[in-house]
C-alpha atoms as a PDB file:
ATOM      1  CA  MET A   1       0.000   0.000   0.000  1.00  0.00           C
ATOM      2  CA  THR A   2       1.286   3.505  -0.901  1.00  0.00           C
ATOM      3  CA  ASP A   3       1.461   6.480   1.430  1.00  0.00           C
ATOM      4  CA  TRP A   4      -1.632   8.106  -0.010  1.00  0.00           C
ATOM      5  CA  GLN A   5      -3.546   4.860   0.237  1.00  0.00           C
ATOM      6  CA  GLU A   6      -2.567   4.536   3.896  1.00  0.00           C
ATOM      7  CA  TRP A   7      -3.595   8.117   4.490  1.00  0.00           C
ATOM      8  CA  ALA A   8      -6.926   7.589   2.785  1.00  0.00           C
ATOM      9  CA  ALA A   9      -7.499   4.348   4.778  1.00  0.00           C
ATOM     10  CA  GLN A  10      -6.726   6.126   8.014  1.00  0.00           C
ATOM     11  CA  PHE A  11      -9.529   8.588   7.392  1.00  0.00           C
ATOM     12  CA  GLY A  12     -11.987   5.879   6.487  1.00  0.00           C
ATOM     13  CA  ALA A  13     -12.033   6.236   2.752  1.00  0.00           C
ATOM     14  CA  ASP A  14     -12.899   3.228   0.653  1.00  0.00           C
ATOM     15  CA  LEU A  15     -10.200   3.260  -1.943  1.00  0.00           C
ATOM     16  CA  HIS A  16     -11.603   0.597  -4.213  1.00  0.00           C
ATOM     17  CA  GLU A  17     -14.984   2.113  -4.569  1.00  0.00           C
ATOM     18  CA  ASP A  18     -14.197   5.814  -4.536  1.00  0.00           C
ATOM     19  CA  ALA A  19     -12.813   7.283  -7.773  1.00  0.00           C
ATOM     20  CA  THR A  20     -12.578  10.657  -6.108  1.00  0.00           C
ATOM     21  CA  ALA A  21     -10.004   9.325  -3.701  1.00  0.00           C
ATOM     22  CA  ASP A  22      -7.901   8.065  -6.632  1.00  0.00           C
ATOM     23  CA  SER A  23      -8.047  11.401  -8.371  1.00  0.00           C
ATOM     24  CA  ALA A  24      -7.243  13.191  -5.126  1.00  0.00           C
ATOM     25  CA  ALA A  25      -4.311  10.861  -4.578  1.00  0.00           C
ATOM     26  CA  SER A  26      -3.134  11.503  -8.151  1.00  0.00           C
ATOM     27  CA  ALA A  27      -3.439  15.228  -7.538  1.00  0.00           C
ATOM     28  CA  VAL A  28      -1.415  14.930  -4.320  1.00  0.00           C
ATOM     29  CA  VAL A  29       1.270  12.969  -6.160  1.00  0.00           C
ATOM     30  CA  GLY A  30       1.264  15.574  -8.947  1.00  0.00           C
ATOM     31  CA  LEU A  31       1.510  18.372  -6.418  1.00  0.00           C
ATOM     32  CA  SER A  32       4.348  16.581  -4.706  1.00  0.00           C
ATOM     33  CA  SER A  33       6.324  16.405  -7.939  1.00  0.00           C
ATOM     34  CA  VAL A  34       5.569  20.072  -8.656  1.00  0.00           C
ATOM     35  CA  VAL A  35       6.781  20.986  -5.161  1.00  0.00           C
ATOM     36  CA  GLU A  36       9.990  18.986  -5.730  1.00  0.00           C
ATOM     37  CA  GLU A  37      10.539  20.718  -9.081  1.00  0.00           C
ATOM     38  CA  LEU A  38       9.944  24.119  -7.440  1.00  0.00           C
ATOM     39  CA  LYS A  39      12.433  23.235  -4.705  1.00  0.00           C
ATOM     40  CA  GLY A  40      14.989  22.429  -7.412  1.00  0.00           C
ATOM     41  CA  ARG A  41      14.315  25.734  -9.157  1.00  0.00           C
ATOM     42  CA  VAL A  42      14.576  27.655  -5.870  1.00  0.00           C
ATOM     43  CA  ASP A  43      17.924  25.961  -5.264  1.00  0.00           C
ATOM     44  CA  GLN A  44      19.056  26.947  -8.785  1.00  0.00           C
ATOM     45  CA  ALA A  45      17.864  30.532  -8.216  1.00  0.00           C
ATOM     46  CA  ALA A  46      19.698  30.648  -4.889  1.00  0.00           C
ATOM     47  CA  THR A  47      22.857  29.406  -6.622  1.00  0.00           C
ATOM     48  CA  LEU A  48      22.506  32.040  -9.348  1.00  0.00           C
ATOM     49  CA  VAL A  49      21.935  34.784  -6.756  1.00  0.00           C
ATOM     50  CA  LYS A  50      25.024  33.637  -4.871  1.00  0.00           C
ATOM     51  CA  GLN A  51      27.087  33.668  -8.091  1.00  0.00           C
ATOM     52  CA  ALA A  52      25.779  37.149  -8.964  1.00  0.00           C
ATOM     53  CA  MET A  53      26.695  38.400  -5.495  1.00  0.00           C
ATOM     54  CA  GLU A  54      30.183  36.921  -5.825  1.00  0.00           C
ATOM     55  CA  ALA A  55      30.590  38.555  -9.249  1.00  0.00           C
ATOM     56  CA  ASN A  56      29.393  41.868  -7.830  1.00  0.00           C
ATOM     57  CA  SER A  57      31.847  41.535  -4.961  1.00  0.00           C
ATOM     58  CA  LEU A  58      34.637  40.785  -7.424  1.00  0.00           C
ATOM     59  CA  GLU A  59      33.681  43.827  -9.495  1.00  0.00           C
ATOM     60  CA  LEU A  60      33.776  45.993  -6.364  1.00  0.00           C
ATOM     61  CA  GLN A  61      37.198  44.635  -5.445  1.00  0.00           C
ATOM     62  CA  MET A  62      38.467  45.264  -8.972  1.00  0.00           C
ATOM     63  CA  GLY A  63      37.056  48.800  -8.822  1.00  0.00           C
ATOM     64  CA  ARG A  64      38.909  49.425  -5.574  1.00  0.00           C
ATOM     65  CA  VAL A  65      42.122  48.124  -7.129  1.00  0.00           C
ATOM     66  CA  PHE A  66      41.678  50.419 -10.126  1.00  0.00           C
ATOM     67  CA  VAL A  67      41.000  53.411  -7.864  1.00  0.00           C
ATOM     68  CA  ARG A  68      44.131  52.649  -5.840  1.00  0.00           C
ATOM     69  CA  ALA A  69      46.159  52.211  -9.031  1.00  0.00           C
ATOM     70  CA  GLN A  70      44.890  55.541 -10.385  1.00  0.00           C
ATOM     71  CA  GLY A  71      45.835  57.208  -7.095  1.00  0.00           C
ATOM     72  CA  TYR A  72      49.301  55.710  -7.324  1.00  0.00           C
ATOM     73  CA  ILE A  73      49.659  56.902 -10.923  1.00  0.00           C
ATOM     74  CA  ASP A  74      48.455  60.391 -10.011  1.00  0.00           C
ATOM     75  CA  ASN A  75      50.949  60.576  -7.155  1.00  0.00           C
ATOM     76  CA  ALA A  76      53.775  59.307  -9.372  1.00  0.00           C
ATOM     77  CA  VAL A  77      52.981  61.913 -12.032  1.00  0.00           C
ATOM     78  CA  ALA A  78      52.843  64.673  -9.421  1.00  0.00           C
ATOM     79  CA  ASP A  79      56.177  63.493  -7.985  1.00  0.00           C
ATOM     80  CA  ALA A  80      57.718  63.413 -11.457  1.00  0.00           C
ATOM     81  CA  LYS A  81      56.492  66.954 -12.120  1.00  0.00           C
ATOM     82  CA  ARG A  82      57.963  68.187  -8.844  1.00  0.00           C
ATOM     83  CA  ASP A  83      61.242  66.415  -9.581  1.00  0.00           C
ATOM     84  CA  ALA A  84      61.385  67.904 -13.075  1.00  0.00           C
ATOM     85  CA  ASP A  85      60.633  71.386 -11.728  1.00  0.00           C
ATOM     86  CA  GLU A  86      63.391  70.961  -9.131  1.00  0.00           C
ATOM     87  CA  ILE A  87      65.882  69.747 -11.758  1.00  0.00           C
ATOM     88  CA  ILE A  88      65.074  72.680 -14.016  1.00  0.00           C
ATOM     89  CA  ALA A  89      65.259  75.140 -11.129  1.00  0.00           C
ATOM     90  CA  ASP A  90      68.631  73.705 -10.041  1.00  0.00           C
ATOM     91  CA  ALA A  91      69.922  73.847 -13.613  1.00  0.00           C
ATOM     92  CA  ARG A  92      68.810  77.471 -13.914  1.00  0.00           C
ATOM     93  CA  LYS A  93      70.507  78.345 -10.621  1.00  0.00           C
ATOM     94  CA  SER A  94      73.713  76.680 -11.787  1.00  0.00           C
ATOM     95  CA  ALA A  95      73.530  78.436 -15.134  1.00  0.00           C
ATOM     96  CA  SER A  96      72.879  81.777 -13.458  1.00  0.00           C
ATOM     97  CA  ARG A  97      75.835  81.237 -11.139  1.00  0.00           C
ATOM     98  CA  ILE A  98      78.107  80.272 -14.042  1.00  0.00           C
ATOM     99  CA  ILE A  99      76.941  83.255 -16.066  1.00  0.00           C
ATOM    100  CA  ALA A 100      77.442  85.603 -13.098  1.00  0.00           C
ATOM    101  CA  GLU A 101      80.973  84.257 -12.579  1.00  0.00           C
ATOM    102  CA  ALA A 102      81.712  84.648 -16.276  1.00  0.00           C
ATOM    103  CA  ARG A 103      80.400  88.221 -16.196  1.00  0.00           C
ATOM    104  CA  GLN A 104      82.536  89.006 -13.162  1.00  0.00           C
ATOM    105  CA  GLN A 105      85.619  87.545 -14.799  1.00  0.00           C
ATOM    106  CA  ALA A 106      84.943  89.377 -18.044  1.00  0.00           C
ATOM    107  CA  GLN A 107      84.255  92.624 -16.206  1.00  0.00           C
ATOM    108  CA  ALA A 108      87.439  92.200 -14.194  1.00  0.00           C
ATOM    109  CA  MET A 109      89.388  91.639 -17.401  1.00  0.00           C
ATOM    110  CA  ILE A 110      87.793  94.673 -19.011  1.00  0.00           C
ATOM    111  CA  GLU A 111      88.522  96.846 -15.987  1.00  0.00           C
ATOM    112  CA  GLU A 112      92.062  95.533 -15.841  1.00  0.00           C
ATOM    113  CA  ALA A 113      92.486  96.270 -19.521  1.00  0.00           C
ATOM    114  CA  ARG A 114      91.130  99.810 -19.099  1.00  0.00           C
ATOM    115  CA  ASN A 115      93.346 100.559 -16.114  1.00  0.00           C
ATOM    116  CA  SER A 116      96.551  99.068 -17.401  1.00  0.00           C
ATOM    117  CA  PRO A 117      99.017 100.400 -19.867  1.00  0.00           C
ATOM    118  CA  PRO A 118      98.544  99.370 -23.479  1.00  0.00           C
ATOM    119  CA  PHE A 119      99.133  95.686 -24.025  1.00  0.00           C
ATOM    120  CA  PRO A 120     100.980  94.025 -26.774  1.00  0.00           C
ATOM    121  CA  VAL A 121      98.818  92.753 -29.630  1.00  0.00           C
ATOM    122  CA  GLU A 122      99.331  89.155 -28.525  1.00  0.00           C
ATOM    123  CA  VAL A 123      97.847  89.843 -25.063  1.00  0.00           C
ATOM    124  CA  ILE A 124      94.850  91.645 -26.590  1.00  0.00           C
ATOM    125  CA  GLN A 125      94.290  88.735 -28.987  1.00  0.00           C
ATOM    126  CA  ASN A 126      94.430  86.250 -26.083  1.00  0.00           C
ATOM    127  CA  LEU A 127      91.925  88.354 -24.166  1.00  0.00           C
ATOM    128  CA  ASP A 128      89.665  88.510 -27.220  1.00  0.00           C
ATOM    129  CA  ARG A 129      89.852  84.702 -27.636  1.00  0.00           C
ATOM    130  CA  THR A 130      89.056  84.228 -23.939  1.00  0.00           C
ATOM    131  CA  ILE A 131      86.007  86.498 -24.195  1.00  0.00           C
ATOM    132  CA  GLN A 132      84.820  84.672 -27.311  1.00  0.00           C
ATOM    133  CA  SER A 133      85.325  81.365 -25.526  1.00  0.00           C
ATOM    134  CA  PHE A 134      83.126  82.587 -22.661  1.00  0.00           C
ATOM    135  CA  GLN A 135      80.485  83.688 -25.140  1.00  0.00           C
ATOM    136  CA  ARG A 136      80.486  80.270 -26.852  1.00  0.00           C
ATOM    137  CA  ALA A 137      80.303  78.527 -23.474  1.00  0.00           C
ATOM    138  CA  ASN A 138      77.314  80.688 -22.530  1.00  0.00           C
ATOM    139  CA  VAL A 139      75.573  79.926 -25.838  1.00  0.00           C
ATOM    140  CA  ASN A 140      76.279  76.177 -25.442  1.00  0.00           C
ATOM    141  CA  LEU A 141      75.078  76.219 -21.854  1.00  0.00           C
ATOM    142  CA  ASN A 142      71.863  77.988 -22.854  1.00  0.00           C
ATOM    143  CA  GLN A 143      71.296  75.446 -25.660  1.00  0.00           C
ATOM    144  CA  GLU A 144      71.860  72.532 -23.289  1.00  0.00           C
ATOM    145  CA  LEU A 145      69.440  74.013 -20.764  1.00  0.00           C
ATOM    146  CA  SER A 146      66.847  74.476 -23.511  1.00  0.00           C
ATOM    147  CA  GLN A 147      67.304  70.866 -24.627  1.00  0.00           C
ATOM    148  CA  LEU A 148      67.053  69.610 -21.041  1.00  0.00           C
ATOM    149  CA  ASN A 149      63.926  71.681 -20.531  1.00  0.00           C
ATOM    150  CA  ALA A 150      62.329  70.367 -23.736  1.00  0.00           C
ATOM    151  CA  PHE A 151      63.270  66.779 -22.858  1.00  0.00           C
ATOM    152  CA  LEU A 152      61.811  66.993 -19.350  1.00  0.00           C
ATOM    153  CA  ARG A 153      58.634  68.733 -20.514  1.00  0.00           C
ATOM    154  CA  ALA A 154      58.103  66.085 -23.191  1.00  0.00           C
ATOM    155  CA  LYS A 155      58.173  63.386 -20.496  1.00  0.00           C
ATOM    156  CA  LEU A 156      55.442  65.025 -18.392  1.00  0.00           C
ATOM    157  CA  PRO A 157      51.701  65.401 -18.996  1.00  0.00           C
ATOM    158  CA  ALA A 158      50.231  68.902 -19.283  1.00  0.00           C
ATOM    159  CA  ASN A 159      51.086  71.179 -16.343  1.00  0.00           C
ATOM    160  CA  ASP A 160      48.116  71.174 -13.982  1.00  0.00           C
ATOM    161  CA  ASN A 161      49.783  72.164 -10.725  1.00  0.00           C
ATOM    162  CA  GLY A 162      49.013  75.860 -11.077  1.00  0.00           C
ATOM    163  CA  HIS A 163      52.618  76.892 -11.670  1.00  0.00           C
ATOM    164  CA  GLU A 164      53.844  78.658 -14.726  1.00  0.00           C
ATOM    165  CA  PRO A 165      55.837  76.259 -16.886  1.00  0.00           C
ATOM    166  CA  VAL A 166      59.539  76.923 -17.035  1.00  0.00           C
ATOM    167  CA  THR A 167      60.444  77.751 -20.602  1.00  0.00           C
ATOM    168  CA  ALA A 168      63.748  77.790 -22.404  1.00  0.00           C
ATOM    169  CA  GLY A 169      65.274  81.187 -22.985  1.00  0.00           C
ATOM    170  CA  SER A 170      63.673  82.891 -19.999  1.00  0.00           C
ATOM    171  CA  GLU A 171      67.131  83.631 -18.622  1.00  0.00           C
ATOM    172  CA  VAL A 172      68.979  86.566 -20.113  1.00  0.00           C
ATOM    173  CA  THR A 173      71.967  85.449 -22.146  1.00  0.00           C
ATOM    174  CA  PRO A 174      74.883  87.643 -21.165  1.00  0.00           C
ATOM    175  CA  GLN A 175      76.377  89.805 -23.850  1.00  0.00           C
ATOM    176  CA  VAL A 176      80.006  90.535 -23.213  1.00  0.00           C
ATOM    177  CA  GLY A 177      81.230  93.461 -25.239  1.00  0.00           C
ATOM    178  CA  ARG A 178      84.700  94.606 -26.000  1.00  0.00           C
ATOM    179  CA  ALA A 179      86.284  97.477 -24.156  1.00  0.00           C
END
């Protein structure tokens, strides 16, 4: 005897004579299979929800990683800009110091030449060559600073730190004249 037959017998139903009991039992069996199928679908839905939550969690973690990476990149770019500005500023200071020393030396030579008795032609020619050498050195130094500036600026993104960009040629190139 099946479970539904036992149940029906317990409540006094005559199973052999009552077709209604058979159809009710069939309906109960059908409902039981539907309930089992629904349980399976609920389990599948729960699995899918769990997978979706895991995927969402993974996406959030990846988003956090990308945000941290962007922060690191932004900091690295800002550091590189500061370093480049410092290098350029140091190079300009060095160039200014060298130019000032060259001016002082040239001025001292000019003053010495003005205050001293006439020199032989050879001494004047040596002085002229020395002055020209200083002029070439100043031109070369200015060109090198311009190249360094262009190189460093090419390596950095657009200046967004609020400072004026340092440009080549903003220093005055000394002009040493003859006495």
